[in-house]
Amino acid sequence: MIARPKRGWFLPPTDVGSAFDLPGYVRVADLWDAWRFAAVESTLALKDWMSAGPEEKQLGYDAYLACLDREEEAATALADRVHSDAAIRLRTRL
């Protein structure tokens, strides 16, 4: 079993650009996996944030937002490949 890192280990990157600038030959299954993993990571980050002590709330919130951003990027990359109209809706929603 792998030990879980202590709270506060994650600092979101500051200038990364898109996490999903992918070549055209990436399989849909790979994009689905990327989205699914990002969704699970978001769920775990939310749980960590909600259970964090007062001194760690801000860091937990920032980590959760970073996870949500990655999940959105993965969902948009998947939508681009599967249904371009859905990807446009994801990008233009308010």
N, C-alpha and C. Protein backbone atom coordinates (compact mmCIF):
# COMPACT_ATOMS: atom_id res chain seq x y z
N MET A 1 0.84 -1.17 0.00
CA MET A 1 0.00 0.00 0.00
C MET A 1 0.89 1.24 0.00
N ILE A 2 0.51 2.23 -0.76
CA ILE A 2 1.26 3.48 -0.85
C ILE A 2 0.74 4.45 0.20
N ALA A 3 1.65 5.06 0.92
CA ALA A 3 1.26 6.02 1.95
C ALA A 3 0.74 7.30 1.30
N ARG A 4 -0.29 7.84 1.87
CA ARG A 4 -0.86 9.09 1.38
C ARG A 4 0.00 10.26 1.86
N PRO A 5 0.31 11.21 0.96
CA PRO A 5 1.10 12.37 1.38
C PRO A 5 0.37 13.20 2.43
N LYS A 6 1.14 13.88 3.25
CA LYS A 6 0.54 14.75 4.26
C LYS A 6 -0.18 15.91 3.58
N ARG A 7 -1.17 16.44 4.26
CA ARG A 7 -1.90 17.60 3.73
C ARG A 7 -0.94 18.75 3.48
N GLY A 8 -1.28 19.53 2.48
CA GLY A 8 -0.50 20.71 2.20
C GLY A 8 0.64 20.46 1.22
N TRP A 9 0.75 19.26 0.70
CA TRP A 9 1.85 18.94 -0.22
C TRP A 9 1.62 19.52 -1.60
N PHE A 10 0.39 19.80 -1.97
CA PHE A 10 0.07 20.20 -3.34
C PHE A 10 0.04 21.70 -3.47
N LEU A 11 0.83 22.21 -4.39
CA LEU A 11 0.75 23.62 -4.76
C LEU A 11 0.43 23.68 -6.24
N PRO A 12 -0.69 24.27 -6.64
CA PRO A 12 -1.05 24.29 -8.04
C PRO A 12 0.00 25.03 -8.88
N PRO A 13 0.27 24.56 -10.09
CA PRO A 13 1.21 25.27 -10.95
C PRO A 13 0.68 26.65 -11.30
N THR A 14 1.60 27.56 -11.60
CA THR A 14 1.18 28.94 -11.83
C THR A 14 0.99 29.27 -13.30
N ASP A 15 1.80 28.72 -14.19
CA ASP A 15 1.70 29.07 -15.60
C ASP A 15 1.90 27.82 -16.44
N VAL A 16 0.82 27.09 -16.68
CA VAL A 16 0.97 25.81 -17.35
C VAL A 16 0.33 25.74 -18.73
N GLY A 17 -0.54 26.66 -19.07
CA GLY A 17 -1.24 26.54 -20.34
C GLY A 17 -2.22 25.39 -20.28
N SER A 18 -2.59 24.87 -21.42
CA SER A 18 -3.54 23.77 -21.46
C SER A 18 -2.88 22.45 -21.13
N ALA A 19 -3.54 21.69 -20.29
CA ALA A 19 -3.04 20.35 -19.96
C ALA A 19 -3.35 19.36 -21.07
N PHE A 20 -4.18 19.74 -22.01
CA PHE A 20 -4.63 18.80 -23.03
C PHE A 20 -4.38 19.30 -24.44
N ASP A 21 -3.18 19.78 -24.73
CA ASP A 21 -2.77 20.08 -26.09
C ASP A 21 -2.26 18.77 -26.67
N LEU A 22 -3.19 17.99 -27.20
CA LEU A 22 -2.87 16.62 -27.59
C LEU A 22 -2.83 16.46 -29.10
N PRO A 23 -2.00 15.54 -29.57
CA PRO A 23 -1.97 15.25 -31.01
C PRO A 23 -3.26 14.56 -31.43
N GLY A 24 -3.54 14.59 -32.71
CA GLY A 24 -4.78 14.04 -33.24
C GLY A 24 -4.92 12.54 -33.14
N TYR A 25 -3.84 11.82 -32.90
CA TYR A 25 -3.91 10.36 -32.87
C TYR A 25 -4.24 9.79 -31.49
N VAL A 26 -4.50 10.63 -30.50
CA VAL A 26 -4.86 10.15 -29.18
C VAL A 26 -6.24 9.48 -29.26
N ARG A 27 -6.34 8.31 -28.65
CA ARG A 27 -7.60 7.55 -28.71
C ARG A 27 -8.67 8.18 -27.82
N VAL A 28 -9.92 8.00 -28.22
CA VAL A 28 -11.05 8.48 -27.42
C VAL A 28 -11.01 7.84 -26.04
N ALA A 29 -10.65 6.57 -25.97
CA ALA A 29 -10.58 5.88 -24.68
C ALA A 29 -9.57 6.55 -23.75
N ASP A 30 -8.46 7.04 -24.31
CA ASP A 30 -7.47 7.74 -23.49
C ASP A 30 -8.03 9.06 -22.96
N LEU A 31 -8.78 9.76 -23.80
CA LEU A 31 -9.40 11.01 -23.36
C LEU A 31 -10.46 10.75 -22.30
N TRP A 32 -11.21 9.67 -22.47
CA TRP A 32 -12.21 9.29 -21.47
C TRP A 32 -11.52 8.99 -20.14
N ASP A 33 -10.43 8.23 -20.19
CA ASP A 33 -9.68 7.92 -18.97
C ASP A 33 -9.16 9.18 -18.30
N ALA A 34 -8.63 10.10 -19.09
CA ALA A 34 -8.11 11.35 -18.53
C ALA A 34 -9.22 12.12 -17.82
N TRP A 35 -10.40 12.17 -18.43
CA TRP A 35 -11.52 12.86 -17.81
C TRP A 35 -11.96 12.15 -16.53
N ARG A 36 -12.05 10.83 -16.58
CA ARG A 36 -12.50 10.05 -15.42
C ARG A 36 -11.54 10.21 -14.25
N PHE A 37 -10.23 10.14 -14.54
CA PHE A 37 -9.24 10.31 -13.48
C PHE A 37 -9.32 11.72 -12.90
N ALA A 38 -9.52 12.70 -13.76
CA ALA A 38 -9.63 14.09 -13.28
C ALA A 38 -10.88 14.26 -12.42
N ALA A 39 -11.97 13.58 -12.78
CA ALA A 39 -13.20 13.66 -12.00
C ALA A 39 -13.00 13.04 -10.62
N VAL A 40 -12.32 11.91 -10.57
CA VAL A 40 -12.04 11.27 -9.28
C VAL A 40 -11.13 12.15 -8.44
N GLU A 41 -10.12 12.73 -9.08
CA GLU A 41 -9.21 13.62 -8.36
C GLU A 41 -9.97 14.82 -7.78
N SER A 42 -10.92 15.35 -8.53
CA SER A 42 -11.73 16.47 -8.04
C SER A 42 -12.55 16.06 -6.82
N THR A 43 -13.13 14.88 -6.88
CA THR A 43 -13.91 14.38 -5.75
C THR A 43 -13.05 14.24 -4.50
N LEU A 44 -11.85 13.68 -4.68
CA LEU A 44 -10.95 13.52 -3.54
C LEU A 44 -10.49 14.87 -2.99
N ALA A 45 -10.22 15.81 -3.89
CA ALA A 45 -9.79 17.14 -3.45
C ALA A 45 -10.91 17.85 -2.69
N LEU A 46 -12.15 17.65 -3.13
CA LEU A 46 -13.29 18.25 -2.42
C LEU A 46 -13.39 17.67 -1.01
N LYS A 47 -13.26 16.36 -0.89
CA LYS A 47 -13.32 15.74 0.43
C LYS A 47 -12.20 16.25 1.33
N ASP A 48 -10.99 16.37 0.77
CA ASP A 48 -9.87 16.89 1.55
C ASP A 48 -10.13 18.33 2.00
N TRP A 49 -10.64 19.14 1.10
CA TRP A 49 -10.93 20.53 1.43
C TRP A 49 -11.97 20.62 2.54
N MET A 50 -13.05 19.83 2.40
CA MET A 50 -14.13 19.90 3.38
C MET A 50 -13.69 19.40 4.76
N SER A 51 -12.72 18.49 4.80
CA SER A 51 -12.28 17.96 6.10
C SER A 51 -11.03 18.66 6.63
N ALA A 52 -10.51 19.63 5.90
CA ALA A 52 -9.29 20.33 6.32
C ALA A 52 -9.55 21.20 7.54
N GLY A 53 -8.51 21.35 8.32
CA GLY A 53 -8.59 22.25 9.46
C GLY A 53 -8.57 23.69 8.99
N PRO A 54 -8.88 24.63 9.87
CA PRO A 54 -8.96 26.04 9.49
C PRO A 54 -7.68 26.57 8.84
N GLU A 55 -6.53 26.09 9.31
CA GLU A 55 -5.26 26.58 8.77
C GLU A 55 -4.97 26.03 7.37
N GLU A 56 -5.70 25.02 6.93
CA GLU A 56 -5.46 24.41 5.62
C GLU A 56 -6.60 24.62 4.64
N LYS A 57 -7.63 25.34 5.05
CA LYS A 57 -8.81 25.53 4.19
C LYS A 57 -8.46 26.21 2.86
N GLN A 58 -7.67 27.26 2.91
CA GLN A 58 -7.35 27.99 1.67
C GLN A 58 -6.56 27.12 0.71
N LEU A 59 -5.58 26.40 1.21
CA LEU A 59 -4.80 25.51 0.36
C LEU A 59 -5.68 24.42 -0.23
N GLY A 60 -6.57 23.87 0.57
CA GLY A 60 -7.50 22.85 0.08
C GLY A 60 -8.41 23.39 -1.00
N TYR A 61 -8.89 24.60 -0.79
CA TYR A 61 -9.75 25.25 -1.79
C TYR A 61 -8.99 25.47 -3.10
N ASP A 62 -7.77 25.96 -3.00
CA ASP A 62 -6.96 26.20 -4.21
C ASP A 62 -6.68 24.89 -4.95
N ALA A 63 -6.38 23.84 -4.20
CA ALA A 63 -6.14 22.53 -4.82
C ALA A 63 -7.40 22.02 -5.51
N TYR A 64 -8.54 22.22 -4.86
CA TYR A 64 -9.82 21.79 -5.44
C TYR A 64 -10.10 22.54 -6.74
N LEU A 65 -9.88 23.85 -6.75
CA LEU A 65 -10.09 24.62 -7.98
C LEU A 65 -9.16 24.15 -9.10
N ALA A 66 -7.92 23.83 -8.77
CA ALA A 66 -6.99 23.32 -9.78
C ALA A 66 -7.48 21.99 -10.35
N CYS A 67 -8.01 21.14 -9.49
CA CYS A 67 -8.55 19.86 -9.95
C CYS A 67 -9.76 20.07 -10.85
N LEU A 68 -10.62 21.00 -10.48
CA LEU A 68 -11.79 21.29 -11.32
C LEU A 68 -11.37 21.82 -12.69
N ASP A 69 -10.33 22.64 -12.72
CA ASP A 69 -9.82 23.15 -13.99
C ASP A 69 -9.33 22.00 -14.87
N ARG A 70 -8.59 21.06 -14.27
CA ARG A 70 -8.10 19.92 -15.04
C ARG A 70 -9.25 19.05 -15.53
N GLU A 71 -10.27 18.89 -14.69
CA GLU A 71 -11.43 18.10 -15.11
C GLU A 71 -12.15 18.76 -16.28
N GLU A 72 -12.29 20.07 -16.22
CA GLU A 72 -12.93 20.80 -17.31
C GLU A 72 -12.11 20.68 -18.60
N GLU A 73 -10.80 20.80 -18.50
CA GLU A 73 -9.93 20.65 -19.68
C GLU A 73 -10.08 19.26 -20.28
N ALA A 74 -10.11 18.25 -19.42
CA ALA A 74 -10.24 16.88 -19.91
C ALA A 74 -11.60 16.66 -20.57
N ALA A 75 -12.65 17.21 -19.97
CA ALA A 75 -13.99 17.07 -20.54
C ALA A 75 -14.08 17.76 -21.89
N THR A 76 -13.46 18.92 -22.00
CA THR A 76 -13.48 19.66 -23.26
C THR A 76 -12.68 18.92 -24.33
N ALA A 77 -11.54 18.36 -23.97
CA ALA A 77 -10.73 17.60 -24.93
C ALA A 77 -11.51 16.38 -25.43
N LEU A 78 -12.20 15.71 -24.52
CA LEU A 78 -13.02 14.56 -24.90
C LEU A 78 -14.16 15.00 -25.81
N ALA A 79 -14.83 16.08 -25.44
CA ALA A 79 -15.94 16.57 -26.25
C ALA A 79 -15.47 17.00 -27.63
N ASP A 80 -14.29 17.61 -27.72
CA ASP A 80 -13.74 17.98 -29.02
C ASP A 80 -13.66 16.78 -29.95
N ARG A 81 -13.21 15.67 -29.40
CA ARG A 81 -13.02 14.47 -30.22
C ARG A 81 -14.34 13.78 -30.55
N VAL A 82 -15.28 13.77 -29.58
CA VAL A 82 -16.50 12.98 -29.75
C VAL A 82 -17.62 13.78 -30.40
N HIS A 83 -17.79 15.02 -29.97
CA HIS A 83 -18.93 15.81 -30.46
C HIS A 83 -18.54 17.29 -30.39
N SER A 84 -18.14 17.85 -31.51
CA SER A 84 -17.60 19.21 -31.50
C SER A 84 -18.63 20.25 -31.04
N ASP A 85 -19.91 20.03 -31.29
CA ASP A 85 -20.93 20.97 -30.80
C ASP A 85 -20.96 21.01 -29.27
N ALA A 86 -20.78 19.85 -28.66
CA ALA A 86 -20.75 19.80 -27.19
C ALA A 86 -19.54 20.56 -26.66
N ALA A 87 -18.43 20.45 -27.35
CA ALA A 87 -17.22 21.18 -26.93
C ALA A 87 -17.42 22.67 -27.02
N ILE A 88 -18.10 23.12 -28.06
CA ILE A 88 -18.39 24.55 -28.20
C ILE A 88 -19.29 25.02 -27.06
N ARG A 89 -20.28 24.21 -26.71
CA ARG A 89 -21.17 24.57 -25.59
C ARG A 89 -20.39 24.64 -24.28
N LEU A 90 -19.45 23.72 -24.08
CA LEU A 90 -18.63 23.76 -22.86
C LEU A 90 -17.80 25.03 -22.78
N ARG A 91 -17.27 25.45 -23.91
CA ARG A 91 -16.40 26.64 -23.92
C ARG A 91 -17.17 27.94 -23.78
N THR A 92 -18.42 27.98 -24.23
CA THR A 92 -19.15 29.23 -24.28
C THR A 92 -20.17 29.39 -23.16
N ARG A 93 -20.29 28.42 -22.27
CA ARG A 93 -21.26 28.57 -21.19
C ARG A 93 -20.81 29.65 -20.23
N LEU A 94 -21.77 30.28 -19.62
CA LEU A 94 -21.45 31.39 -18.70
C LEU A 94 -21.48 30.95 -17.27
